[in-house]
N, C-alpha and C. Protein backbone atom coordinates (compact mmCIF):
# COMPACT_ATOMS: atom_id res chain seq x y z
N MET A 1 -25.95 51.16 -32.17
CA MET A 1 -26.64 50.19 -31.36
C MET A 1 -25.98 48.83 -31.55
N ALA A 2 -25.74 48.14 -30.49
CA ALA A 2 -25.12 46.82 -30.55
C ALA A 2 -26.17 45.78 -30.91
N GLY A 3 -25.76 44.81 -31.68
CA GLY A 3 -26.68 43.76 -32.10
C GLY A 3 -26.83 42.68 -31.04
N PRO A 4 -27.70 41.72 -31.29
CA PRO A 4 -27.95 40.66 -30.31
C PRO A 4 -26.72 39.77 -30.08
N LEU A 5 -25.83 39.68 -31.07
CA LEU A 5 -24.63 38.86 -30.92
C LEU A 5 -23.75 39.41 -29.80
N ARG A 6 -23.58 40.71 -29.76
CA ARG A 6 -22.76 41.32 -28.71
C ARG A 6 -23.36 41.05 -27.33
N HIS A 7 -24.66 41.24 -27.20
CA HIS A 7 -25.27 41.02 -25.90
C HIS A 7 -25.24 39.55 -25.51
N LYS A 8 -25.30 38.66 -26.46
CA LYS A 8 -25.24 37.23 -26.16
C LYS A 8 -23.93 36.91 -25.43
N TYR A 9 -22.82 37.37 -25.96
CA TYR A 9 -21.53 37.07 -25.34
C TYR A 9 -21.31 37.86 -24.07
N ARG A 10 -21.84 39.07 -23.99
CA ARG A 10 -21.75 39.84 -22.75
C ARG A 10 -22.51 39.14 -21.63
N LEU A 11 -23.70 38.66 -21.94
CA LEU A 11 -24.50 37.98 -20.92
C LEU A 11 -23.85 36.66 -20.50
N MET A 12 -23.25 35.94 -21.44
CA MET A 12 -22.53 34.71 -21.08
C MET A 12 -21.39 35.02 -20.12
N ALA A 13 -20.64 36.08 -20.42
CA ALA A 13 -19.52 36.46 -19.55
C ALA A 13 -20.03 36.97 -18.20
N LEU A 14 -21.14 37.70 -18.19
CA LEU A 14 -21.71 38.17 -16.93
C LEU A 14 -22.17 37.01 -16.05
N ARG A 15 -22.76 35.98 -16.67
CA ARG A 15 -23.16 34.80 -15.89
C ARG A 15 -21.94 34.10 -15.30
N GLU A 16 -20.87 34.03 -16.07
CA GLU A 16 -19.63 33.43 -15.55
C GLU A 16 -19.09 34.26 -14.39
N PHE A 17 -19.12 35.57 -14.52
CA PHE A 17 -18.68 36.46 -13.45
C PHE A 17 -19.54 36.28 -12.21
N GLY A 18 -20.86 36.20 -12.40
CA GLY A 18 -21.77 36.01 -11.27
C GLY A 18 -21.54 34.69 -10.56
N ALA A 19 -21.27 33.64 -11.33
CA ALA A 19 -21.01 32.33 -10.73
C ALA A 19 -19.72 32.35 -9.92
N LYS A 20 -18.74 33.12 -10.37
CA LYS A 20 -17.47 33.23 -9.62
C LYS A 20 -17.65 33.99 -8.32
N GLN A 21 -18.63 34.89 -8.26
CA GLN A 21 -18.86 35.68 -7.05
C GLN A 21 -19.44 34.85 -5.91
N LYS A 22 -20.11 33.75 -6.23
CA LYS A 22 -20.66 32.80 -5.23
C LYS A 22 -21.53 33.49 -4.18
N GLY A 23 -22.50 34.26 -4.63
CA GLY A 23 -23.44 34.88 -3.71
C GLY A 23 -22.97 36.18 -3.09
N GLU A 24 -21.80 36.67 -3.44
CA GLU A 24 -21.32 37.94 -2.91
C GLU A 24 -21.85 39.09 -3.75
N MET A 25 -22.03 40.25 -3.14
CA MET A 25 -22.51 41.41 -3.86
C MET A 25 -21.36 42.02 -4.68
N PHE A 26 -21.72 42.63 -5.80
CA PHE A 26 -20.73 43.29 -6.65
C PHE A 26 -21.38 44.51 -7.28
N THR A 27 -20.56 45.41 -7.82
CA THR A 27 -21.05 46.60 -8.50
C THR A 27 -20.90 46.42 -10.01
N ALA A 28 -21.57 47.28 -10.75
CA ALA A 28 -21.48 47.24 -12.21
C ALA A 28 -20.07 47.60 -12.68
N VAL A 29 -19.34 48.38 -11.89
CA VAL A 29 -17.96 48.73 -12.24
C VAL A 29 -17.09 47.48 -12.23
N GLU A 30 -17.27 46.63 -11.21
CA GLU A 30 -16.50 45.38 -11.14
C GLU A 30 -16.86 44.46 -12.30
N ALA A 31 -18.14 44.38 -12.64
CA ALA A 31 -18.57 43.54 -13.76
C ALA A 31 -18.03 44.08 -15.08
N THR A 32 -18.00 45.40 -15.23
CA THR A 32 -17.45 46.00 -16.45
C THR A 32 -15.97 45.70 -16.58
N ARG A 33 -15.25 45.78 -15.48
CA ARG A 33 -13.82 45.46 -15.51
C ARG A 33 -13.61 44.02 -15.94
N PHE A 34 -14.44 43.10 -15.43
CA PHE A 34 -14.35 41.68 -15.82
C PHE A 34 -14.62 41.53 -17.32
N LEU A 35 -15.67 42.18 -17.82
CA LEU A 35 -16.01 42.07 -19.24
C LEU A 35 -14.90 42.61 -20.14
N ASN A 36 -14.32 43.73 -19.75
CA ASN A 36 -13.29 44.34 -20.58
C ASN A 36 -11.98 43.55 -20.56
N GLU A 37 -11.75 42.75 -19.53
CA GLU A 37 -10.54 41.93 -19.44
C GLU A 37 -10.81 40.47 -19.79
N TYR A 38 -12.03 40.13 -20.21
CA TYR A 38 -12.43 38.76 -20.50
C TYR A 38 -11.63 38.20 -21.68
N LYS A 39 -11.11 36.99 -21.54
CA LYS A 39 -10.31 36.35 -22.58
C LYS A 39 -11.09 35.18 -23.19
N ASN A 40 -10.84 34.94 -24.47
CA ASN A 40 -11.46 33.78 -25.12
C ASN A 40 -10.65 32.53 -24.82
N GLY A 41 -10.98 31.42 -25.44
CA GLY A 41 -10.30 30.16 -25.18
C GLY A 41 -8.83 30.15 -25.54
N LEU A 42 -8.42 31.05 -26.44
CA LEU A 42 -7.01 31.12 -26.86
C LEU A 42 -6.21 32.10 -26.02
N GLY A 43 -6.85 32.76 -25.08
CA GLY A 43 -6.15 33.71 -24.23
C GLY A 43 -6.12 35.13 -24.80
N LYS A 44 -6.82 35.36 -25.90
CA LYS A 44 -6.89 36.70 -26.48
C LYS A 44 -8.12 37.41 -25.93
N PRO A 45 -8.10 38.74 -25.92
CA PRO A 45 -9.30 39.46 -25.47
C PRO A 45 -10.48 39.13 -26.38
N HIS A 46 -11.63 38.85 -25.77
CA HIS A 46 -12.83 38.52 -26.54
C HIS A 46 -13.32 39.77 -27.25
N ARG A 47 -13.69 39.64 -28.52
CA ARG A 47 -14.02 40.84 -29.29
C ARG A 47 -15.44 41.34 -29.09
N PHE A 48 -16.33 40.56 -28.48
CA PHE A 48 -17.71 40.99 -28.33
C PHE A 48 -18.11 41.30 -26.89
N THR A 49 -17.18 41.34 -25.95
CA THR A 49 -17.59 41.57 -24.56
C THR A 49 -17.25 42.97 -24.05
N ASN A 50 -16.55 43.79 -24.80
CA ASN A 50 -16.22 45.14 -24.33
C ASN A 50 -17.50 45.91 -24.04
N SER A 51 -17.48 46.71 -22.99
CA SER A 51 -18.68 47.42 -22.61
C SER A 51 -18.32 48.62 -21.74
N ASN A 52 -19.35 49.34 -21.29
CA ASN A 52 -19.16 50.43 -20.33
C ASN A 52 -20.14 50.25 -19.18
N VAL A 53 -19.98 51.05 -18.15
CA VAL A 53 -20.75 50.87 -16.92
C VAL A 53 -22.26 51.02 -17.16
N HIS A 54 -22.64 51.99 -17.97
CA HIS A 54 -24.06 52.23 -18.19
C HIS A 54 -24.71 51.05 -18.91
N GLN A 55 -24.02 50.51 -19.89
CA GLN A 55 -24.59 49.38 -20.63
C GLN A 55 -24.66 48.13 -19.76
N VAL A 56 -23.63 47.90 -18.94
CA VAL A 56 -23.64 46.73 -18.05
C VAL A 56 -24.76 46.86 -17.03
N GLY A 57 -24.96 48.05 -16.50
CA GLY A 57 -26.06 48.26 -15.56
C GLY A 57 -27.41 47.95 -16.19
N ASN A 58 -27.59 48.34 -17.43
CA ASN A 58 -28.85 48.06 -18.13
C ASN A 58 -28.99 46.57 -18.44
N LEU A 59 -27.90 45.90 -18.77
CA LEU A 59 -27.95 44.45 -19.01
C LEU A 59 -28.30 43.71 -17.71
N LEU A 60 -27.73 44.15 -16.60
CA LEU A 60 -28.03 43.52 -15.31
C LEU A 60 -29.50 43.74 -14.93
N LYS A 61 -30.01 44.95 -15.18
CA LYS A 61 -31.41 45.25 -14.86
C LYS A 61 -32.36 44.38 -15.68
N GLY A 62 -32.00 44.13 -16.93
CA GLY A 62 -32.87 43.38 -17.82
C GLY A 62 -32.78 41.88 -17.70
N ASN A 63 -31.86 41.38 -16.89
CA ASN A 63 -31.66 39.94 -16.77
C ASN A 63 -32.20 39.46 -15.42
N LYS A 64 -33.03 38.44 -15.43
CA LYS A 64 -33.65 37.94 -14.20
C LYS A 64 -32.69 37.15 -13.33
N GLU A 65 -31.52 36.80 -13.85
CA GLU A 65 -30.54 36.04 -13.06
C GLU A 65 -29.75 36.92 -12.10
N PHE A 66 -29.86 38.23 -12.27
CA PHE A 66 -29.18 39.18 -11.39
C PHE A 66 -30.22 39.99 -10.65
N GLN A 67 -29.96 40.21 -9.37
CA GLN A 67 -30.92 40.93 -8.53
C GLN A 67 -30.20 42.10 -7.87
N VAL A 68 -30.83 43.26 -7.91
CA VAL A 68 -30.25 44.44 -7.28
C VAL A 68 -30.61 44.44 -5.80
N THR A 69 -29.63 44.76 -4.97
CA THR A 69 -29.88 44.82 -3.54
C THR A 69 -29.90 46.25 -3.02
N GLN A 70 -29.05 47.10 -3.58
CA GLN A 70 -29.00 48.51 -3.19
C GLN A 70 -28.91 49.34 -4.46
N LEU A 71 -29.99 50.00 -4.85
CA LEU A 71 -30.02 50.75 -6.10
C LEU A 71 -29.91 52.24 -5.81
N LYS A 72 -28.81 52.82 -6.24
CA LYS A 72 -28.64 54.28 -6.16
C LYS A 72 -28.43 54.81 -7.58
N SER A 73 -27.46 54.29 -8.28
CA SER A 73 -27.22 54.58 -9.68
C SER A 73 -26.54 53.35 -10.26
N ASN A 74 -26.36 53.32 -11.57
CA ASN A 74 -25.75 52.14 -12.19
C ASN A 74 -24.35 51.87 -11.66
N LYS A 75 -23.61 52.91 -11.31
CA LYS A 75 -22.22 52.72 -10.88
C LYS A 75 -22.11 52.15 -9.47
N VAL A 76 -22.97 52.59 -8.56
CA VAL A 76 -22.80 52.19 -7.16
C VAL A 76 -23.84 51.19 -6.67
N ALA A 77 -24.73 50.74 -7.54
CA ALA A 77 -25.73 49.75 -7.13
C ALA A 77 -25.03 48.43 -6.81
N LYS A 78 -25.53 47.74 -5.81
CA LYS A 78 -24.99 46.43 -5.43
C LYS A 78 -25.85 45.35 -6.05
N TRP A 79 -25.23 44.44 -6.77
CA TRP A 79 -25.92 43.35 -7.45
C TRP A 79 -25.52 42.02 -6.86
N ILE A 80 -26.37 41.03 -7.05
CA ILE A 80 -26.06 39.67 -6.61
C ILE A 80 -26.58 38.71 -7.69
N TYR A 81 -25.83 37.66 -7.93
CA TYR A 81 -26.21 36.66 -8.93
C TYR A 81 -27.06 35.61 -8.24
N VAL A 82 -28.30 35.43 -8.70
CA VAL A 82 -29.19 34.45 -8.09
C VAL A 82 -29.28 33.19 -8.95
N GLY A 83 -28.76 33.21 -10.15
CA GLY A 83 -28.78 32.04 -11.03
C GLY A 83 -30.09 31.93 -11.78
N SER A 84 -30.17 30.93 -12.60
CA SER A 84 -31.38 30.70 -13.38
C SER A 84 -32.33 29.77 -12.64
N GLU A 85 -33.55 29.69 -13.10
CA GLU A 85 -34.53 28.81 -12.47
C GLU A 85 -34.22 27.35 -12.75
N GLU A 86 -33.43 27.07 -13.78
CA GLU A 86 -33.10 25.69 -14.14
C GLU A 86 -32.06 25.07 -13.22
N GLU A 87 -31.29 25.91 -12.52
CA GLU A 87 -30.21 25.40 -11.66
C GLU A 87 -30.76 24.85 -10.37
């Protein structure tokens, strides 16, 4: 089981990915690819953002900043970033 530290950095990277999408729909596969290729400030792969499609789908479901538009399964569901209430 991954600890809260791993999810903290995954969620930060997912929010960055969502902000880059600018209201466009995306799948969990695209988000997983972004997380697995995510680089830290030095240009090295970030050590806490690696993930798989099932875990990313569950993180997206549990976060209120992401909204599902077409739910079939974690792999093919279409997601959209709606942002936080503070924005």
